[in-house]
Amino acid sequence: MFCTVVILASLLLWITALSPPTVIKSPSLSNWGFWSKVESCPSVSFVHGMRIKYDAAISHDNTALNAIQFVCKHHNQHFDNITHIIGADGPFGVWQISFHYCSDGDYVIGFALQSDTSSSGDGTGANNFAAYCGKPDGSRNNLKLIKDDIPRENGKWNDDQFCPLGQVVCGIRVQIEPNQGLADDTGLNNVDLQWCDFTDVT
């Protein structure tokens, strides 16, 4: 009996290790490049702020959004214990100087991605990213948003994506197109955000 319990417990751990992270996905309006691995916040830390890496160059081959950097904050500390995660970093653009943060007690609970829908010419993939803040067990809406102001608001904002109640964002993976040389470049194309259970945090 004991051996059976041990075997079943080991099998459960193995299945859990193979299970993909629970994520909310951006609708794919462009699909160029590779997917990064999921980069997650440390234990009992959750996404509380962000900034973006943006290509503002006025040229025949602009790439707009190239990376998203999240700030992970420990649930019961202020800014004494923070980390940063990005998933992957596109090859173009510069990091915006300022970070944008949720209010104290709020975390990122959802997002929207602005994507280029053009099928010819200078494609840019994703153009901007907005994160929605809120309480882990609060309303799911876009009233509290944080995002960077960029020079050109180009493309369509995808539908809002939200974590389930009791969950908040705790990780990110991104689809990035590497430098294409003389061919058209797009930078960051899509985003998946991992969510974690906040209800067990004490």
Protein backbone atom coordinates (compact mmCIF):
# COMPACT_ATOMS: atom_id res chain seq x y z
CA MET A 1 0.00 0.00 0.00
CA PHE A 2 2.78 2.42 0.96
CA CYS A 3 4.64 1.67 -2.28
CA THR A 4 1.47 2.33 -4.27
CA VAL A 5 1.02 5.72 -2.60
CA VAL A 6 4.65 6.64 -3.28
CA ILE A 7 4.35 5.61 -6.94
CA LEU A 8 1.12 7.59 -7.39
CA ALA A 9 2.64 10.65 -5.72
CA SER A 10 5.71 10.43 -7.94
CA LEU A 11 3.52 10.06 -11.03
CA LEU A 12 1.49 13.13 -10.03
CA LEU A 13 4.67 15.19 -9.60
CA TRP A 14 5.92 13.98 -12.98
CA ILE A 15 2.65 14.90 -14.71
CA THR A 16 2.65 18.30 -12.99
CA ALA A 17 6.21 18.95 -14.15
CA LEU A 18 5.19 18.19 -17.74
CA SER A 19 2.03 20.31 -17.64
CA PRO A 20 2.30 23.63 -19.48
CA PRO A 21 1.91 26.83 -17.44
CA THR A 22 -1.60 28.21 -17.16
CA VAL A 23 -1.58 31.28 -19.36
CA ILE A 24 -3.71 33.98 -20.90
CA LYS A 25 -2.85 34.51 -24.56
CA SER A 26 -2.88 37.42 -26.96
CA PRO A 27 -4.92 36.74 -30.12
CA SER A 28 -2.38 36.10 -32.88
CA LEU A 29 -2.72 38.80 -35.54
CA SER A 30 0.90 38.23 -36.60
CA ASN A 31 2.94 35.07 -36.23
CA TRP A 32 6.65 35.59 -36.83
CA GLY A 33 9.57 34.26 -34.82
CA PHE A 34 10.22 31.84 -31.95
CA TRP A 35 8.56 31.48 -28.57
CA SER A 36 10.71 32.04 -25.50
CA LYS A 37 10.51 29.89 -22.40
CA VAL A 38 8.23 31.12 -19.62
CA GLU A 39 10.11 33.38 -17.23
CA SER A 40 8.38 33.48 -13.85
CA CYS A 41 8.50 35.66 -10.76
CA PRO A 42 10.07 34.12 -7.64
CA SER A 43 7.82 32.29 -5.20
CA VAL A 44 5.05 34.47 -3.66
CA SER A 45 6.04 37.38 -5.93
CA PHE A 46 3.69 38.74 -8.57
CA VAL A 47 3.79 41.27 -11.42
CA HIS A 48 3.30 44.81 -10.12
CA GLY A 49 4.84 47.04 -12.83
CA MET A 50 6.24 47.18 -16.35
CA ARG A 51 8.02 49.04 -19.10
CA ILE A 52 8.61 48.29 -22.79
CA LYS A 53 11.46 48.27 -25.29
CA TYR A 54 10.37 50.20 -28.36
CA ASP A 55 11.81 50.90 -31.80
CA ALA A 56 10.85 54.47 -32.66
CA ALA A 57 13.10 54.75 -35.71
CA ILE A 58 11.47 56.35 -38.73
CA SER A 59 12.65 54.09 -41.51
CA HIS A 60 11.41 51.67 -44.15
CA ASP A 61 11.68 48.83 -41.59
CA ASN A 62 10.28 49.81 -38.20
CA THR A 63 9.73 47.08 -35.59
CA ALA A 64 7.84 48.97 -32.82
CA LEU A 65 7.47 46.75 -29.71
CA ASN A 66 10.54 44.57 -29.05
CA ALA A 67 10.24 43.51 -25.40
CA ILE A 68 8.20 43.82 -22.22
CA GLN A 69 9.91 43.95 -18.84
CA PHE A 70 7.84 43.11 -15.77
CA VAL A 71 8.56 44.07 -12.18
CA CYS A 72 7.85 41.24 -9.72
CA LYS A 73 7.02 42.34 -6.18
CA HIS A 74 6.92 40.14 -3.10
CA HIS A 75 3.36 40.08 -1.79
CA ASN A 76 4.13 41.42 1.71
CA GLN A 77 7.03 43.76 1.00
CA HIS A 78 7.19 47.13 -0.68
CA PHE A 79 10.19 47.59 -2.99
CA ASP A 80 12.81 45.94 -0.81
CA ASN A 81 12.61 42.69 -2.76
CA ILE A 82 11.84 43.08 -6.46
CA THR A 83 12.99 41.20 -9.56
CA HIS A 84 12.57 41.77 -13.30
CA ILE A 85 11.48 39.29 -15.97
CA ILE A 86 11.20 39.69 -19.75
CA GLY A 87 10.84 36.26 -21.40
CA ALA A 88 13.03 37.35 -24.32
CA ASP A 89 14.45 40.57 -25.74
CA GLY A 90 13.95 41.68 -29.35
CA PRO A 91 16.99 42.95 -31.28
CA PHE A 92 15.80 46.51 -31.96
CA GLY A 93 14.76 49.63 -30.07
CA VAL A 94 15.56 51.07 -26.65
CA TRP A 95 14.11 50.55 -23.20
CA GLN A 96 11.75 53.30 -22.08
CA ILE A 97 13.21 55.21 -19.13
CA SER A 98 10.27 54.98 -16.75
CA PHE A 99 8.56 51.98 -15.20
CA HIS A 100 4.81 52.08 -14.64
CA TYR A 101 3.37 50.52 -11.49
CA CYS A 102 0.04 49.32 -10.17
CA SER A 103 -1.25 50.99 -7.02
CA ASP A 104 -0.24 49.48 -3.69
CA GLY A 105 -2.18 46.28 -3.12
CA ASP A 106 -2.94 45.85 -6.83
CA TYR A 107 -1.24 43.49 -9.26
CA VAL A 108 -1.41 42.89 -12.99
CA ILE A 109 -4.58 40.88 -13.65
CA GLY A 110 -4.87 41.23 -17.43
CA PHE A 111 -3.57 42.84 -20.60
CA ALA A 112 -4.20 43.90 -24.18
CA LEU A 113 -1.79 43.90 -27.11
CA GLN A 114 -1.85 46.35 -30.00
CA SER A 115 -0.92 44.52 -33.21
CA ASP A 116 -0.18 45.45 -36.79
CA THR A 117 -2.76 43.88 -39.09
CA SER A 118 -1.10 44.80 -42.39
CA SER A 119 -0.21 41.87 -44.63
CA SER A 120 2.25 43.64 -46.90
CA GLY A 121 4.93 46.32 -46.78
CA ASP A 122 6.62 47.12 -43.47
CA GLY A 123 5.06 44.78 -40.91
CA THR A 124 5.76 45.60 -37.27
CA GLY A 125 4.15 42.73 -35.35
CA ALA A 126 3.05 44.05 -31.95
CA ASN A 127 3.12 47.82 -31.46
CA ASN A 128 2.21 48.44 -27.82
CA PHE A 129 1.20 46.64 -24.64
CA ALA A 130 -1.21 47.63 -21.87
CA ALA A 131 -1.38 45.90 -18.48
CA TYR A 132 -4.49 46.03 -16.31
CA CYS A 133 -4.17 46.32 -12.54
CA GLY A 134 -6.53 45.14 -9.84
CA LYS A 135 -7.03 43.14 -6.66
CA PRO A 136 -6.54 39.37 -6.91
CA ASP A 137 -10.21 38.80 -6.01
CA GLY A 138 -11.52 42.07 -7.45
CA SER A 139 -13.38 43.02 -10.62
CA ARG A 140 -11.90 42.12 -14.00
CA ASN A 141 -11.94 45.29 -16.09
CA ASN A 142 -9.61 47.71 -17.88
CA LEU A 143 -10.25 50.76 -15.69
CA LYS A 144 -6.77 50.71 -14.12
CA LEU A 145 -4.24 50.43 -16.90
CA ILE A 146 -0.51 51.02 -17.15
CA LYS A 147 1.25 51.46 -20.49
CA ASP A 148 3.88 53.49 -22.26
CA ASP A 149 3.01 56.40 -24.51
CA ILE A 150 4.64 55.73 -27.86
CA PRO A 151 5.20 58.04 -30.86
CA ARG A 152 2.91 56.14 -33.21
CA GLU A 153 -0.24 54.30 -32.14
CA ASN A 154 -0.46 51.92 -35.07
CA GLY A 155 -2.59 48.81 -35.38
CA LYS A 156 -5.54 47.21 -33.65
CA TRP A 157 -5.91 46.70 -29.91
CA ASN A 158 -6.80 43.05 -29.34
CA ASP A 159 -9.54 41.99 -26.96
CA ASP A 160 -8.77 42.33 -23.26
CA GLN A 161 -7.45 39.18 -21.59
CA PHE A 162 -7.87 38.55 -17.84
CA CYS A 163 -6.77 36.07 -15.19
CA PRO A 164 -9.50 34.15 -13.35
CA LEU A 165 -10.58 35.49 -9.95
CA GLY A 166 -8.03 34.73 -7.25
CA GLN A 167 -5.18 34.68 -9.78
CA VAL A 168 -2.67 37.34 -10.82
CA VAL A 169 0.07 37.50 -13.44
CA CYS A 170 3.34 35.89 -12.37
CA GLY A 171 5.22 35.10 -15.59
CA ILE A 172 5.69 35.89 -19.27
CA ARG A 173 6.73 34.31 -22.52
CA VAL A 174 6.93 36.14 -25.83
CA GLN A 175 7.19 35.43 -29.53
CA ILE A 176 10.20 37.27 -30.95
CA GLU A 177 11.42 37.42 -34.54
CA PRO A 178 15.24 37.54 -34.78
CA ASN A 179 16.99 40.05 -37.04
CA GLN A 180 16.05 39.20 -40.64
CA GLY A 181 18.91 41.07 -42.26
CA LEU A 182 17.70 42.66 -45.49
CA ALA A 183 14.21 41.14 -45.13
CA ASP A 184 11.37 42.78 -43.18
CA ASP A 185 11.71 42.72 -39.37
CA THR A 186 8.88 42.70 -36.84
CA GLY A 187 10.38 42.38 -33.32
CA LEU A 188 7.86 41.11 -30.74
CA ASN A 189 4.73 39.46 -32.16
CA ASN A 190 2.73 37.82 -29.37
CA VAL A 191 2.57 37.50 -25.59
CA ASP A 192 1.44 34.79 -23.19
CA LEU A 193 1.13 35.72 -19.51
CA GLN A 194 1.31 33.03 -16.85
CA TRP A 195 -1.04 33.38 -13.90
CA CYS A 196 -0.59 32.08 -10.36
CA ASP A 197 -2.92 31.42 -7.46
CA PHE A 198 -2.93 34.31 -4.98
CA THR A 199 -5.48 32.78 -2.60
CA ASP A 200 -2.93 30.59 -0.78
CA VAL A 201 -0.59 33.50 0.00
CA THR A 202 -0.40 34.38 3.69
